[in-house]
PDB file of all heavy atoms in Angstrom:
ATOM      1  N   ALA A   1      40.112  22.497  61.337  1.00  0.00           N
ATOM      2  CA  ALA A   1      41.468  23.020  60.972  1.00  0.00           C
ATOM      3  C   ALA A   1      42.435  22.014  61.475  1.00  0.00           C
ATOM      4  O   ALA A   1      42.355  21.475  62.629  1.00  0.00           O
ATOM      5  CB  ALA A   1      41.691  24.455  61.576  1.00  0.00           C
ATOM      6  N   GLY A   2      43.430  21.571  60.693  1.00  0.00           N
ATOM      7  CA  GLY A   2      44.442  20.751  61.041  1.00  0.00           C
ATOM      8  C   GLY A   2      45.794  21.547  61.333  1.00  0.00           C
ATOM      9  O   GLY A   2      46.204  22.460  60.502  1.00  0.00           O
ATOM     10  N   LEU A   3      46.468  21.117  62.393  1.00  0.00           N
ATOM     11  CA  LEU A   3      47.767  21.638  62.695  1.00  0.00           C
ATOM     12  C   LEU A   3      48.921  20.578  62.603  1.00  0.00           C
ATOM     13  O   LEU A   3      48.808  19.628  63.313  1.00  0.00           O
ATOM     14  CB  LEU A   3      47.688  22.219  64.136  1.00  0.00           C
ATOM     15  CG  LEU A   3      48.939  22.907  64.654  1.00  0.00           C
ATOM     16  CD1 LEU A   3      49.175  24.280  63.891  1.00  0.00           C
ATOM     17  CD2 LEU A   3      48.677  23.255  66.247  1.00  0.00           C
ATOM     18  N   ILE A   4      49.725  20.751  61.634  1.00  0.00           N
ATOM     19  CA  ILE A   4      50.629  19.762  61.248  1.00  0.00           C
ATOM     20  C   ILE A   4      52.098  20.243  61.386  1.00  0.00           C
ATOM     21  O   ILE A   4      52.321  21.471  61.576  1.00  0.00           O
ATOM     22  CB  ILE A   4      50.424  19.083  59.831  1.00  0.00           C
ATOM     23  CG1 ILE A   4      50.734  20.296  58.777  1.00  0.00           C
ATOM     24  CG2 ILE A   4      48.988  18.610  59.665  1.00  0.00           C
ATOM     25  CD1 ILE A   4      50.775  19.812  57.326  1.00  0.00           C
ATOM     26  N   GLY A   5      53.092  19.232  61.403  1.00  0.00           N
ATOM     27  CA  GLY A   5      54.421  19.630  61.372  1.00  0.00           C
ATOM     28  C   GLY A   5      55.149  18.454  61.904  1.00  0.00           C
ATOM     29  O   GLY A   5      54.706  17.573  62.676  1.00  0.00           O
ATOM     30  N   PRO A   6      56.499  18.307  61.658  1.00  0.00           N
ATOM     31  CA  PRO A   6      57.239  17.169  62.202  1.00  0.00           C
ATOM     32  C   PRO A   6      57.288  17.227  63.723  1.00  0.00           C
ATOM     33  O   PRO A   6      56.999  18.328  64.394  1.00  0.00           O
ATOM     34  CB  PRO A   6      58.639  17.473  61.473  1.00  0.00           C
ATOM     35  CG  PRO A   6      58.406  18.336  60.361  1.00  0.00           C
ATOM     36  CD  PRO A   6      57.219  19.194  60.747  1.00  0.00           C
ATOM     37  N   ASN A   7      57.864  16.168  64.311  1.00  0.00           N
ATOM     38  CA  ASN A   7      58.103  16.251  65.751  1.00  0.00           C
ATOM     39  C   ASN A   7      58.956  17.484  66.117  1.00  0.00           C
ATOM     40  O   ASN A   7      59.969  17.756  65.465  1.00  0.00           O
ATOM     41  CB  ASN A   7      58.790  14.894  66.235  1.00  0.00           C
ATOM     42  CG  ASN A   7      57.929  13.764  66.118  1.00  0.00           C
ATOM     43  OD1 ASN A   7      56.711  13.871  66.311  1.00  0.00           O
ATOM     44  ND2 ASN A   7      58.416  12.514  65.928  1.00  0.00           N
ATOM     45  N   GLY A   8      58.555  18.082  67.264  1.00  0.00           N
ATOM     46  CA  GLY A   8      59.414  19.291  67.574  1.00  0.00           C
ATOM     47  C   GLY A   8      59.005  20.595  66.915  1.00  0.00           C
ATOM     48  O   GLY A   8      59.694  21.555  67.162  1.00  0.00           O
ATOM     49  N   ALA A   9      57.916  20.492  66.134  1.00  0.00           N
ATOM     50  CA  ALA A   9      57.577  21.767  65.376  1.00  0.00           C
ATOM     51  C   ALA A   9      56.852  22.788  66.348  1.00  0.00           C
ATOM     52  O   ALA A   9      56.828  23.986  65.793  1.00  0.00           O
ATOM     53  CB  ALA A   9      56.739  21.310  64.226  1.00  0.00           C
ATOM     54  N   GLY A  10      56.366  22.399  67.478  1.00  0.00           N
ATOM     55  CA  GLY A  10      55.760  23.448  68.332  1.00  0.00           C
ATOM     56  C   GLY A  10      54.241  23.106  68.524  1.00  0.00           C
ATOM     57  O   GLY A  10      53.431  23.965  69.063  1.00  0.00           O
ATOM     58  N   LYS A  11      53.666  22.034  67.923  1.00  0.00           N
ATOM     59  CA  LYS A  11      52.183  21.904  67.901  1.00  0.00           C
ATOM     60  C   LYS A  11      51.626  21.653  69.361  1.00  0.00           C
ATOM     61  O   LYS A  11      50.677  22.291  69.600  1.00  0.00           O
ATOM     62  CB  LYS A  11      51.939  20.659  67.094  1.00  0.00           C
ATOM     63  CG  LYS A  11      52.378  20.683  65.597  1.00  0.00           C
ATOM     64  CD  LYS A  11      52.055  19.487  64.808  1.00  0.00           C
ATOM     65  CE  LYS A  11      52.575  18.111  65.490  1.00  0.00           C
ATOM     66  NZ  LYS A  11      54.078  18.033  65.465  1.00  0.00           N
ATOM     67  N   THR A  12      52.241  20.857  70.031  1.00  0.00           N
ATOM     68  CA  THR A  12      51.780  20.615  71.399  1.00  0.00           C
ATOM     69  C   THR A  12      51.861  21.897  72.401  1.00  0.00           C
ATOM     70  O   THR A  12      51.144  22.223  73.141  1.00  0.00           O
ATOM     71  CB  THR A  12      52.358  19.373  72.097  1.00  0.00           C
ATOM     72  OG1 THR A  12      52.146  18.271  71.346  1.00  0.00           O
ATOM     73  CG2 THR A  12      51.912  19.282  73.582  1.00  0.00           C
ATOM     74  N   THR A  13      53.100  22.588  72.125  1.00  0.00           N
ATOM     75  CA  THR A  13      53.272  23.951  72.778  1.00  0.00           C
ATOM     76  C   THR A  13      52.209  24.857  72.509  1.00  0.00           C
ATOM     77  O   THR A  13      51.574  25.447  73.458  1.00  0.00           O
ATOM     78  CB  THR A  13      54.631  24.466  72.358  1.00  0.00           C
ATOM     79  OG1 THR A  13      55.653  23.590  72.791  1.00  0.00           O
ATOM     80  CG2 THR A  13      54.889  25.883  73.127  1.00  0.00           C
ATOM     81  N   LEU A  14      51.752  24.875  71.244  1.00  0.00           N
ATOM     82  CA  LEU A  14      50.640  25.772  70.871  1.00  0.00           C
ATOM     83  C   LEU A  14      49.291  25.368  71.588  1.00  0.00           C
ATOM     84  O   LEU A  14      48.589  26.226  72.101  1.00  0.00           O
ATOM     85  CB  LEU A  14      50.488  25.809  69.315  1.00  0.00           C
ATOM     86  CG  LEU A  14      49.410  26.808  68.817  1.00  0.00           C
ATOM     87  CD1 LEU A  14      49.590  28.225  69.408  1.00  0.00           C
ATOM     88  CD2 LEU A  14      49.355  26.777  67.357  1.00  0.00           C
ATOM     89  N   PHE A  15      49.086  24.069  71.489  1.00  0.00           N
ATOM     90  CA  PHE A  15      47.910  23.572  72.201  1.00  0.00           C
ATOM     91  C   PHE A  15      47.893  23.944  73.753  1.00  0.00           C
ATOM     92  O   PHE A  15      46.877  24.344  74.288  1.00  0.00           O
ATOM     93  CB  PHE A  15      47.859  22.041  72.079  1.00  0.00           C
ATOM     94  CG  PHE A  15      46.802  21.658  71.030  1.00  0.00           C
ATOM     95  CD1 PHE A  15      46.599  22.376  69.817  1.00  0.00           C
ATOM     96  CD2 PHE A  15      46.021  20.480  71.107  1.00  0.00           C
ATOM     97  CE1 PHE A  15      45.718  22.022  68.832  1.00  0.00           C
ATOM     98  CE2 PHE A  15      45.135  20.131  70.127  1.00  0.00           C
ATOM     99  CZ  PHE A  15      45.001  20.849  68.993  1.00  0.00           C
ATOM    100  N   ASN A  16      49.031  23.868  74.322  1.00  0.00           N
ATOM    101  CA  ASN A  16      49.138  24.103  75.682  1.00  0.00           C
ATOM    102  C   ASN A  16      48.946  25.725  76.046  1.00  0.00           C
ATOM    103  O   ASN A  16      48.477  26.009  77.124  1.00  0.00           O
ATOM    104  CB  ASN A  16      50.521  23.703  76.322  1.00  0.00           C
ATOM    105  CG  ASN A  16      50.548  22.239  76.540  1.00  0.00           C
ATOM    106  OD1 ASN A  16      49.452  21.528  76.509  1.00  0.00           O
ATOM    107  ND2 ASN A  16      51.776  21.639  76.441  1.00  0.00           N
ATOM    108  N   CYS A  17      49.233  26.417  75.055  1.00  0.00           N
ATOM    109  CA  CYS A  17      48.968  27.919  75.202  1.00  0.00           C
ATOM    110  C   CYS A  17      47.467  28.147  75.046  1.00  0.00           C
ATOM    111  O   CYS A  17      47.000  28.962  75.703  1.00  0.00           O
ATOM    112  CB  CYS A  17      49.801  28.666  74.088  1.00  0.00           C
ATOM    113  SG  CYS A  17      51.593  28.790  74.220  1.00  0.00           S
ATOM    114  N   LEU A  18      46.840  27.437  74.125  1.00  0.00           N
ATOM    115  CA  LEU A  18      45.352  27.565  73.998  1.00  0.00           C
ATOM    116  C   LEU A  18      44.687  27.130  75.211  1.00  0.00           C
ATOM    117  O   LEU A  18      43.528  27.582  75.554  1.00  0.00           O
ATOM    118  CB  LEU A  18      44.886  26.842  72.725  1.00  0.00           C
ATOM    119  CG  LEU A  18      45.398  27.339  71.417  1.00  0.00           C
ATOM    120  CD1 LEU A  18      44.990  26.388  70.197  1.00  0.00           C
ATOM    121  CD2 LEU A  18      44.892  28.656  71.045  1.00  0.00           C
ATOM    122  N   SER A  19      45.216  26.185  75.876  1.00  0.00           N
ATOM    123  CA  SER A  19      44.646  25.636  77.171  1.00  0.00           C
ATOM    124  C   SER A  19      45.075  26.389  78.366  1.00  0.00           C
ATOM    125  O   SER A  19      44.640  26.074  79.471  1.00  0.00           O
ATOM    126  CB  SER A  19      45.025  24.202  77.300  1.00  0.00           C
ATOM    127  OG  SER A  19      44.620  23.364  76.187  1.00  0.00           O
ATOM    128  N   ARG A  20      45.930  27.417  78.143  1.00  0.00           N
ATOM    129  CA  ARG A  20      46.509  28.236  79.252  1.00  0.00           C
ATOM    130  C   ARG A  20      47.399  27.470  80.237  1.00  0.00           C
ATOM    131  O   ARG A  20      47.726  27.876  81.351  1.00  0.00           O
ATOM    132  CB  ARG A  20      45.372  28.870  80.069  1.00  0.00           C
ATOM    133  CG  ARG A  20      44.637  30.069  79.407  1.00  0.00           C
ATOM    134  CD  ARG A  20      45.467  31.237  79.162  1.00  0.00           C
ATOM    135  NE  ARG A  20      46.411  31.612  80.100  1.00  0.00           N
ATOM    136  CZ  ARG A  20      46.183  32.227  81.325  1.00  0.00           C
ATOM    137  NH1 ARG A  20      45.007  32.612  81.600  1.00  0.00           N
ATOM    138  NH2 ARG A  20      47.176  32.524  82.122  1.00  0.00           N
ATOM    139  N   LEU A  21      47.879  26.242  79.717  1.00  0.00           N
ATOM    140  CA  LEU A  21      48.879  25.547  80.527  1.00  0.00           C
ATOM    141  C   LEU A  21      50.277  26.229  80.427  1.00  0.00           C
ATOM    142  O   LEU A  21      51.097  26.254  81.339  1.00  0.00           O
ATOM    143  CB  LEU A  21      49.058  24.113  79.948  1.00  0.00           C
ATOM    144  CG  LEU A  21      47.720  23.244  80.223  1.00  0.00           C
ATOM    145  CD1 LEU A  21      47.929  21.880  79.456  1.00  0.00           C
ATOM    146  CD2 LEU A  21      47.330  23.040  81.589  1.00  0.00           C
ATOM    147  N   TYR A  22      50.408  26.846  79.293  1.00  0.00           N
ATOM    148  CA  TYR A  22      51.688  27.732  79.024  1.00  0.00           C
ATOM    149  C   TYR A  22      51.270  29.145  78.901  1.00  0.00           C
ATOM    150  O   TYR A  22      50.224  29.395  78.258  1.00  0.00           O
ATOM    151  CB  TYR A  22      52.460  27.241  77.857  1.00  0.00           C
ATOM    152  CG  TYR A  22      53.037  25.942  77.917  1.00  0.00           C
ATOM    153  CD1 TYR A  22      53.630  25.232  76.832  1.00  0.00           C
ATOM    154  CD2 TYR A  22      53.257  25.244  79.149  1.00  0.00           C
ATOM    155  CE1 TYR A  22      54.131  24.000  76.821  1.00  0.00           C
ATOM    156  CE2 TYR A  22      53.878  23.943  79.209  1.00  0.00           C
ATOM    157  CZ  TYR A  22      54.315  23.328  77.974  1.00  0.00           C
ATOM    158  OH  TYR A  22      54.855  22.140  78.075  1.00  0.00           O
ATOM    159  N   GLU A  23      52.117  30.019  79.253  1.00  0.00           N
ATOM    160  CA  GLU A  23      51.975  31.474  79.018  1.00  0.00           C
ATOM    161  C   GLU A  23      52.759  31.890  77.653  1.00  0.00           C
ATOM    162  O   GLU A  23      53.900  31.412  77.497  1.00  0.00           O
ATOM    163  CB  GLU A  23      52.435  32.386  80.113  1.00  0.00           C
ATOM    164  CG  GLU A  23      51.643  32.098  81.431  1.00  0.00           C
ATOM    165  CD  GLU A  23      50.210  32.648  81.434  1.00  0.00           C
ATOM    166  OE1 GLU A  23      49.893  33.459  80.481  1.00  0.00           O
ATOM    167  OE2 GLU A  23      49.540  32.445  82.421  1.00  0.00           O
ATOM    168  N   CYS A  24      52.244  32.748  76.884  1.00  0.00           N
ATOM    169  CA  CYS A  24      52.931  33.340  75.822  1.00  0.00           C
ATOM    170  C   CYS A  24      53.860  34.462  76.298  1.00  0.00           C
ATOM    171  O   CYS A  24      53.408  35.291  77.079  1.00  0.00           O
ATOM    172  CB  CYS A  24      51.974  33.848  74.669  1.00  0.00           C
ATOM    173  SG  CYS A  24      50.665  32.730  74.122  1.00  0.00           S
ATOM    174  N   GLU A  25      55.029  34.450  75.732  1.00  0.00           N
ATOM    175  CA  GLU A  25      55.940  35.537  76.143  1.00  0.00           C
ATOM    176  C   GLU A  25      55.692  36.793  75.356  1.00  0.00           C
ATOM    177  O   GLU A  25      55.877  37.946  75.750  1.00  0.00           O
ATOM    178  CB  GLU A  25      57.370  35.107  75.942  1.00  0.00           C
ATOM    179  CG  GLU A  25      57.856  34.060  76.870  1.00  0.00           C
ATOM    180  CD  GLU A  25      59.320  33.560  76.604  1.00  0.00           C
ATOM    181  OE1 GLU A  25      60.121  34.365  75.932  1.00  0.00           O
ATOM    182  OE2 GLU A  25      59.655  32.431  77.015  1.00  0.00           O
ATOM    183  N   GLU A  26      55.293  36.550  74.086  1.00  0.00           N
ATOM    184  CA  GLU A  26      54.833  37.651  73.203  1.00  0.00           C
ATOM    185  C   GLU A  26      53.609  37.127  72.506  1.00  0.00           C
ATOM    186  O   GLU A  26      53.342  35.964  72.259  1.00  0.00           O
ATOM    187  CB  GLU A  26      55.850  37.940  72.303  1.00  0.00           C
ATOM    188  CG  GLU A  26      57.186  38.481  72.842  1.00  0.00           C
ATOM    189  CD  GLU A  26      58.218  38.856  71.759  1.00  0.00           C
ATOM    190  OE1 GLU A  26      57.861  38.839  70.578  1.00  0.00           O
ATOM    191  OE2 GLU A  26      59.420  39.026  72.083  1.00  0.00           O
ATOM    192  N   GLY A  27      52.811  38.119  71.835  1.00  0.00           N
ATOM    193  CA  GLY A  27      51.604  37.869  71.144  1.00  0.00           C
ATOM    194  C   GLY A  27      50.372  37.648  71.949  1.00  0.00           C
ATOM    195  O   GLY A  27      50.405  37.717  73.206  1.00  0.00           O
ATOM    196  N   THR A  28      49.327  37.466  71.223  1.00  0.00           N
ATOM    197  CA  THR A  28      47.932  37.339  71.834  1.00  0.00           C
ATOM    198  C   THR A  28      47.214  36.203  71.256  1.00  0.00           C
ATOM    199  O   THR A  28      47.393  35.752  70.124  1.00  0.00           O
ATOM    200  CB  THR A  28      47.082  38.683  71.731  1.00  0.00           C
ATOM    201  OG1 THR A  28      47.005  38.878  70.305  1.00  0.00           O
ATOM    202  CG2 THR A  28      47.857  39.856  72.310  1.00  0.00           C
TER     203      THR A  28
END
C-alpha cells in the first residue's frame, strides 16, 4: 500500500502514530 500526498499532508505523522511515537487524540 502506498501513502501519498504533498509535503505537509500528514504522512509522517501517520507513520509516527503507527510506530506509537505519537498518540492519537481521537480514533483507533
